[in-house]
Protein backbone atom coordinates (compact mmCIF):
# COMPACT_ATOMS: atom_id res chain seq x y z
CA MET A 1 -0.11 0.19 -0.34
CA ILE A 2 1.27 3.56 -0.77
CA ILE A 3 0.34 6.57 0.91
CA VAL A 4 0.27 9.87 -1.04
CA LEU A 5 0.46 12.77 1.60
CA ARG A 6 -0.42 16.43 0.93
CA PRO A 7 2.21 19.11 -0.10
CA ASP A 8 1.39 20.76 2.92
CA SER A 9 1.51 17.87 5.32
CA THR A 10 3.44 18.93 8.60
CA LYS A 11 5.79 17.00 10.49
CA GLN A 12 3.65 16.32 13.00
CA GLN A 13 0.98 14.98 10.73
CA ILE A 14 3.35 12.70 9.07
CA ASP A 15 4.53 11.35 12.54
CA HIS A 16 1.20 10.59 13.76
CA ILE A 17 0.72 8.77 10.26
CA LEU A 18 3.77 6.35 10.83
CA ASP A 19 2.62 5.93 14.45
CA ARG A 20 -0.63 4.86 13.40
CA ILE A 21 0.77 2.44 10.40
CA ARG A 22 3.03 0.94 13.36
CA ASP A 23 0.33 0.71 15.86
CA LEU A 24 -1.51 -1.45 13.15
CA GLY A 25 1.21 -3.78 12.99
CA PHE A 26 2.87 -2.40 9.68
CA LYS A 27 6.23 -1.33 8.45
CA PRO A 28 6.05 2.07 7.09
CA HIS A 29 9.02 3.25 4.56
CA VAL A 30 9.07 7.03 3.83
CA SER A 31 10.13 8.49 0.25
CA GLN A 32 10.72 12.28 0.47
CA GLY A 33 10.34 13.63 -3.04
CA THR A 34 11.05 17.40 -4.03
CA VAL A 35 7.34 17.85 -4.15
CA ARG A 36 5.66 14.66 -2.52
CA THR A 37 6.42 12.79 0.50
CA ILE A 38 4.92 9.29 -0.10
CA ILE A 39 4.81 6.22 2.62
CA GLY A 40 5.16 2.61 1.53
CA VAL A 41 3.12 0.09 3.82
CA ILE A 42 4.71 -3.24 4.07
CA GLY A 43 2.49 -6.10 5.23
CA ASP A 44 -0.47 -7.93 4.19
CA GLU A 45 -2.95 -5.36 2.34
CA ASN A 46 -5.84 -7.69 2.67
CA LYS A 47 -5.58 -7.22 6.76
CA LEU A 48 -5.46 -3.17 5.97
CA GLN A 49 -8.51 -1.33 4.98
CA ALA A 50 -7.47 2.15 3.06
CA GLU A 51 -10.38 3.76 4.60
CA PRO A 52 -9.70 4.80 7.97
CA LEU A 53 -5.73 5.75 6.82
CA SER A 54 -7.25 8.24 4.29
CA ALA A 55 -8.80 9.88 7.21
CA ILE A 56 -5.82 11.02 9.02
CA PRO A 57 -4.90 14.41 8.48
CA GLY A 58 -2.11 15.29 6.07
CA VAL A 59 -3.12 12.25 3.81
CA GLU A 60 -4.23 13.17 0.21
CA GLN A 61 -4.48 9.52 -1.10
CA VAL A 62 -4.23 6.03 -0.23
CA LEU A 63 -3.47 3.18 -3.12
CA ALA A 64 -3.27 -0.46 -3.08
CA ILE A 65 -0.55 -2.15 -4.19
CA GLN A 66 -0.71 -5.57 -4.93
CA LYS A 67 2.71 -6.32 -6.22
CA PRO A 68 4.97 -8.43 -3.65
CA PHE A 69 7.99 -6.33 -4.24
CA LYS A 70 6.57 -3.08 -3.10
CA LEU A 71 9.60 -1.07 -2.15
CA ALA A 72 10.94 -1.79 -5.72
CA SER A 73 7.81 -0.73 -7.48
CA ARG A 74 7.64 2.32 -9.82
CA GLU A 75 4.34 2.94 -7.29
CA PHE A 76 6.79 3.44 -4.57
CA HIS A 77 9.32 5.52 -6.25
CA PRO A 78 7.90 7.14 -9.52
CA GLY A 79 11.07 8.44 -10.63
CA ASP A 80 14.27 6.43 -11.94
CA SER A 81 16.70 5.92 -8.61
CA VAL A 82 20.15 6.67 -8.72
CA VAL A 83 22.94 4.92 -7.17
CA VAL A 84 26.11 6.60 -6.00
CA VAL A 85 29.12 4.13 -5.73
CA GLY A 86 32.14 5.65 -4.05
CA GLY A 87 30.81 8.81 -3.51
CA ARG A 88 31.34 9.86 -7.29
CA VAL A 89 30.02 7.74 -9.79
CA ARG A 90 26.49 7.73 -10.49
CA VAL A 91 24.26 4.87 -11.80
CA GLY A 92 21.10 5.68 -13.17
CA GLY A 93 19.15 8.66 -14.27
CA GLY A 94 21.26 8.78 -17.56
CA SER A 95 24.57 7.92 -15.91
CA LEU A 96 26.18 4.90 -17.29
CA ALA A 97 28.10 2.44 -14.68
CA MET A 98 31.28 0.88 -16.78
CA ILE A 99 32.63 -2.05 -14.69
CA ALA A 100 35.38 -3.87 -15.52
CA GLY A 101 38.29 -5.81 -14.28
CA PRO A 102 39.09 -9.61 -14.15
CA CYS A 103 37.16 -12.39 -12.79
CA ALA A 104 39.31 -13.09 -9.95
CA ILE A 105 42.36 -10.98 -8.44
CA GLU A 106 45.55 -13.10 -8.99
CA SER A 107 48.42 -10.55 -7.77
CA ALA A 108 48.93 -6.63 -7.34
CA GLU A 109 51.12 -6.52 -10.65
CA ILE A 110 48.14 -8.38 -12.85
CA LEU A 111 45.54 -6.21 -11.34
CA ASP A 112 47.62 -3.02 -11.31
CA THR A 113 47.81 -3.35 -15.23
CA ILE A 114 44.26 -4.15 -16.18
CA ALA A 115 42.90 -1.36 -13.75
CA GLY A 116 45.26 1.20 -15.84
CA ALA A 117 44.34 -0.13 -19.22
CA VAL A 118 40.26 -0.17 -18.16
CA LYS A 119 40.50 3.29 -16.30
CA ALA A 120 42.24 4.78 -19.79
CA ALA A 121 39.79 3.14 -21.86
CA GLY A 122 36.59 5.13 -19.73
CA ALA A 123 35.85 2.36 -17.14
CA ASN A 124 34.37 4.17 -13.98
CA ILE A 125 34.21 1.10 -11.49
CA LEU A 126 36.74 -1.82 -11.10
CA ARG A 127 35.78 -5.31 -10.20
CA GLY A 128 37.65 -8.16 -9.16
CA GLY A 129 36.81 -11.17 -7.41
CA ALA A 130 38.62 -11.91 -3.91
CA PHE A 131 36.02 -14.78 -3.24
CA LYS A 132 35.20 -16.94 -5.77
CA PRO A 133 32.08 -19.52 -6.09
CA ARG A 134 33.05 -22.14 -8.48
CA THR A 135 31.32 -25.23 -9.59
CA SER A 136 34.14 -27.45 -8.40
CA PRO A 137 35.51 -27.24 -5.08
CA TYR A 138 39.34 -27.89 -6.47
CA SER A 139 39.12 -24.59 -8.67
CA PHE A 140 40.51 -21.44 -7.54
CA GLN A 141 38.53 -19.85 -4.69
CA GLY A 142 39.96 -16.35 -4.48
CA MET A 143 42.65 -14.69 -2.20
CA GLY A 144 40.16 -13.67 0.06
CA GLU A 145 41.15 -10.43 2.74
CA GLU A 146 44.61 -10.74 0.83
CA GLY A 147 42.76 -9.98 -2.33
CA LEU A 148 40.25 -7.43 -0.71
CA LYS A 149 43.75 -5.40 0.10
CA ILE A 150 44.85 -5.21 -3.12
CA LEU A 151 41.65 -4.24 -4.90
CA ARG A 152 41.48 -1.35 -2.59
CA ASP A 153 45.05 -0.35 -3.14
CA VAL A 154 44.69 -0.58 -6.90
CA GLY A 155 41.45 1.24 -6.85
CA ASP A 156 42.97 4.05 -4.91
CA LYS A 157 45.97 4.49 -7.26
CA HIS A 158 43.76 4.78 -10.33
CA GLY A 159 40.66 6.55 -8.88
CA LEU A 160 38.33 3.87 -9.19
CA PRO A 161 35.56 2.62 -7.06
CA VAL A 162 35.63 -0.85 -6.46
CA VAL A 163 33.01 -3.94 -6.52
CA THR A 164 33.61 -7.43 -5.38
CA GLU A 165 31.46 -10.28 -4.70
CA VAL A 166 30.35 -11.14 -1.27
CA MET A 167 29.30 -15.00 -0.59
CA ASP A 168 28.40 -15.37 3.06
CA PRO A 169 26.77 -13.17 5.76
CA ARG A 170 30.00 -13.62 7.63
CA GLN A 171 32.05 -12.02 4.86
CA VAL A 172 30.06 -8.86 4.74
CA ALA A 173 31.68 -6.86 7.49
CA VAL A 174 35.39 -7.72 5.86
CA VAL A 175 34.12 -6.81 2.66
CA GLU A 176 32.53 -3.51 3.71
CA ARG A 177 35.70 -2.62 5.25
CA TYR A 178 37.66 -2.67 1.38
CA ALA A 179 35.01 -2.12 -1.07
CA ASP A 180 32.58 0.83 -2.34
CA MET A 181 30.33 -1.63 -3.55
CA PHE A 182 28.97 -5.39 -2.62
CA GLN A 183 28.09 -7.88 -5.49
CA ILE A 184 25.69 -10.78 -5.13
CA GLY A 185 26.35 -13.19 -7.48
CA ALA A 186 23.80 -15.36 -9.58
CA ARG A 187 24.19 -18.13 -7.02
CA ASN A 188 23.39 -16.23 -4.07
CA MET A 189 20.73 -14.07 -5.51
CA GLN A 190 18.11 -15.95 -3.08
CA ASN A 191 20.19 -16.34 -0.38
CA PHE A 192 17.86 -14.23 1.93
CA ASP A 193 20.27 -14.08 5.25
CA LEU A 194 22.95 -12.72 2.88
CA LEU A 195 20.58 -10.34 1.05
CA LYS A 196 19.21 -9.17 4.96
CA GLU A 197 22.79 -8.85 6.07
CA VAL A 198 23.88 -6.35 3.04
CA GLY A 199 20.67 -4.31 3.22
CA GLN A 200 21.71 -3.57 7.08
CA ALA A 201 25.13 -2.67 5.66
CA THR A 202 25.88 0.69 4.60
CA LYS A 203 27.53 0.31 0.62
CA PRO A 204 25.41 -0.18 -2.62
CA VAL A 205 24.78 -3.83 -3.57
CA LEU A 206 24.84 -5.16 -7.38
CA LEU A 207 22.32 -7.90 -7.32
CA LYS A 208 22.91 -10.22 -10.23
CA ARG A 209 20.01 -11.96 -11.60
CA GLY A 210 19.77 -15.84 -10.85
CA MET A 211 20.48 -18.37 -13.29
CA SER A 212 16.85 -19.70 -13.30
CA ALA A 213 15.25 -16.92 -11.66
CA THR A 214 12.15 -14.91 -13.05
CA VAL A 215 12.38 -10.97 -13.36
CA LYS A 216 9.87 -11.19 -10.30
CA ASP A 217 12.38 -13.44 -8.44
CA LEU A 218 14.88 -10.93 -9.15
CA LEU A 219 13.05 -7.81 -7.86
CA MET A 220 11.88 -9.78 -4.69
CA SER A 221 15.44 -10.11 -3.94
CA ALA A 222 16.00 -6.66 -4.27
CA GLU A 223 13.25 -6.14 -1.47
CA TYR A 224 14.57 -8.05 0.97
CA ILE A 225 17.71 -5.86 0.63
CA LEU A 226 15.58 -2.50 0.26
CA ALA A 227 13.23 -3.90 3.37
CA GLU A 228 16.23 -3.61 5.58
CA GLY A 229 17.14 -0.25 4.82
CA ASN A 230 19.69 -0.10 2.09
CA HIS A 231 18.08 1.61 -0.80
CA GLN A 232 21.30 1.50 -2.76
CA VAL A 233 20.37 -1.49 -5.11
CA VAL A 234 21.58 -2.06 -8.72
CA LEU A 235 20.17 -5.00 -10.68
CA CYS A 236 22.34 -7.06 -13.27
CA GLU A 237 20.81 -9.37 -16.36
CA ARG A 238 23.34 -11.85 -16.94
CA GLY A 239 21.78 -14.42 -18.64
CA VAL A 240 19.63 -17.42 -17.67
CA ARG A 241 19.82 -21.22 -18.18
CA SER A 242 18.50 -22.53 -21.67
CA PHE A 243 18.62 -25.40 -24.19
CA GLU A 244 20.93 -23.09 -26.21
CA ASP A 245 24.42 -24.66 -25.58
CA SER A 246 26.44 -22.56 -27.98
CA THR A 247 26.55 -19.75 -25.33
CA ARG A 248 27.35 -20.14 -21.77
CA ASN A 249 23.68 -18.70 -20.91
CA MET A 250 20.74 -17.05 -22.57
CA LEU A 251 21.05 -13.27 -22.49
CA ASP A 252 17.34 -11.87 -21.61
CA MET A 253 17.48 -8.36 -23.25
CA SER A 254 13.90 -7.77 -22.63
CA ALA A 255 14.80 -7.96 -18.88
CA VAL A 256 16.03 -4.37 -19.11
CA PRO A 257 12.80 -2.80 -20.51
CA ASN A 258 10.82 -5.24 -18.19
CA VAL A 259 12.64 -3.96 -14.95
CA LYS A 260 12.38 -0.54 -15.92
CA GLY A 261 8.69 -0.75 -16.62
CA GLN A 262 8.09 -2.20 -13.23
CA SER A 263 10.78 -0.82 -10.67
CA HIS A 264 12.87 2.58 -10.27
CA LEU A 265 15.92 0.47 -9.56
CA PRO A 266 18.83 0.80 -11.97
CA ILE A 267 19.64 -2.49 -14.13
CA ILE A 268 22.91 -3.04 -15.82
CA VAL A 269 24.03 -5.95 -18.42
CA ASP A 270 26.73 -8.57 -17.68
CA PRO A 271 27.40 -9.65 -21.69
CA SER A 272 30.79 -11.55 -20.50
CA HIS A 273 28.61 -14.19 -17.94
CA ALA A 274 25.91 -14.26 -20.45
CA THR A 275 27.58 -15.10 -23.59
CA GLY A 276 31.02 -16.62 -22.22
CA ARG A 277 32.26 -15.82 -25.81
CA PRO A 278 34.59 -12.79 -26.35
CA ASP A 279 33.60 -12.67 -30.13
CA LEU A 280 29.89 -11.78 -28.96
CA ILE A 281 30.61 -9.55 -25.61
CA PRO A 282 31.05 -6.24 -27.89
CA ALA A 283 27.72 -6.74 -30.11
CA MET A 284 25.63 -7.63 -26.78
CA ALA A 285 27.31 -4.74 -24.83
CA ARG A 286 26.01 -2.17 -27.39
CA ALA A 287 22.46 -4.12 -27.03
CA ALA A 288 22.57 -3.59 -23.61
CA VAL A 289 22.83 0.24 -23.80
CA ALA A 290 20.62 0.45 -26.86
CA ALA A 291 17.76 -1.48 -24.88
CA GLY A 292 18.46 1.22 -21.88
CA ALA A 293 20.67 -0.42 -19.57
CA ASP A 294 22.25 1.82 -17.05
CA GLY A 295 25.54 0.49 -17.54
CA VAL A 296 27.66 -2.59 -18.38
CA HIS A 297 29.98 -5.32 -16.81
CA VAL A 298 32.57 -6.60 -18.27
CA GLU A 299 35.21 -8.91 -17.50
CA VAL A 300 38.86 -7.57 -18.91
CA HIS A 301 42.27 -9.83 -18.57
CA SER A 302 45.70 -8.68 -19.79
CA CYS A 303 46.37 -12.47 -20.19
CA PRO A 304 43.05 -14.56 -20.94
CA GLU A 305 44.80 -17.89 -21.35
CA LYS A 306 46.83 -17.51 -17.94
CA ALA A 307 43.69 -16.18 -16.04
CA LEU A 308 42.61 -18.52 -12.86
CA SER A 309 39.10 -17.83 -13.66
CA ASP A 310 36.85 -17.41 -16.21
CA GLY A 311 39.82 -16.39 -18.70
CA PRO A 312 37.93 -17.66 -22.26
CA GLN A 313 35.18 -15.15 -21.64
CA ALA A 314 37.34 -11.94 -20.60
CA LEU A 315 38.30 -9.36 -23.72
CA LEU A 316 41.70 -7.96 -23.78
CA PRO A 317 42.19 -4.67 -23.02
CA LYS A 318 42.75 -3.19 -26.60
CA GLN A 319 39.13 -4.99 -27.50
CA TYR A 320 37.83 -3.65 -24.32
CA ALA A 321 39.08 0.26 -25.42
CA ALA A 322 37.23 -0.74 -28.70
CA LEU A 323 34.24 -1.38 -27.26
CA MET A 324 34.26 1.46 -25.19
CA SER A 325 34.85 3.69 -28.01
CA ASP A 326 31.56 2.27 -29.68
CA LEU A 327 29.72 2.72 -26.39
CA ARG A 328 30.58 6.29 -26.19
CA ARG A 329 29.15 6.93 -29.49
CA LEU A 330 26.22 5.16 -28.63
CA ALA A 331 25.58 6.43 -25.25
CA GLU A 332 25.44 9.95 -26.65
CA VAL A 333 22.74 8.82 -29.19
CA MET A 334 20.54 7.62 -26.43
CA GLY A 335 21.45 10.54 -24.40
CA LYS A 336 23.42 9.06 -21.78
CA ARG A 337 26.44 10.12 -19.73
CA MET A 338 29.43 7.81 -19.22
């Protein structure tokens, strides 16, 4: 349920409305706009009658919202949300997040080389995994906290905010200490304890769509984070499982306008994990920006054949630079800023 307040509603009236909602056993979330203030009421709408709330002074309108993802919905927040990463990089509202870097942090030297190349090409956020969820328990699992220290140092050296994956609620505190943004990977999209934990943190969250998740599933997972008080959520389409075996996954490009029609949250696209093929990444990255995505997430490595994780799907720095040149021209046509 959404409560729209009158433009002249006072602080005392708003406080009274919030107290009344809590008295009824529901959880209020306030969204303060430049002209209007609205309050999202979280709970079972079937147990809440709209008429008594509309009689409270300061209330202009009460709207029933049947979508289960109330805080993520357009009804709750009609305008596009903008998430700020590292205090300077804006995602959404016409600003594009250009996230690039290796799948895994392997050494300070390798990451420094890659970071310098992607920054020169125009990337504005550096990625790199310190904790790696792998299909095989015998594969490289990441460098842990030592990798986080390297990521932080290299990001600071090149003036790039950093994003890295967190896999477990017990890792949230240490990742938050070093990173500017949490990444929740596809395998953890419905790890609800982890979602709640990052929801109580202060850093933005990049939430990837699960391998077999619907758009509704993705938005419901975002709702877990939003409901805990962290409204800095960026969604990521990274492909879903299908019967097609010539690509790693099937990139659902319709998810971009689909999400934007239902939610105010920014959404970016990861063509690296979606296709698993460097020859397809540039075309899918261009398609993502054309579809209205708020950014592109690309894996880049200086020597993919020696990469410890996902080398076959990484672009070389020169390939990434060529892609960024294309995206810069496309962004201008689309009225977006990089």
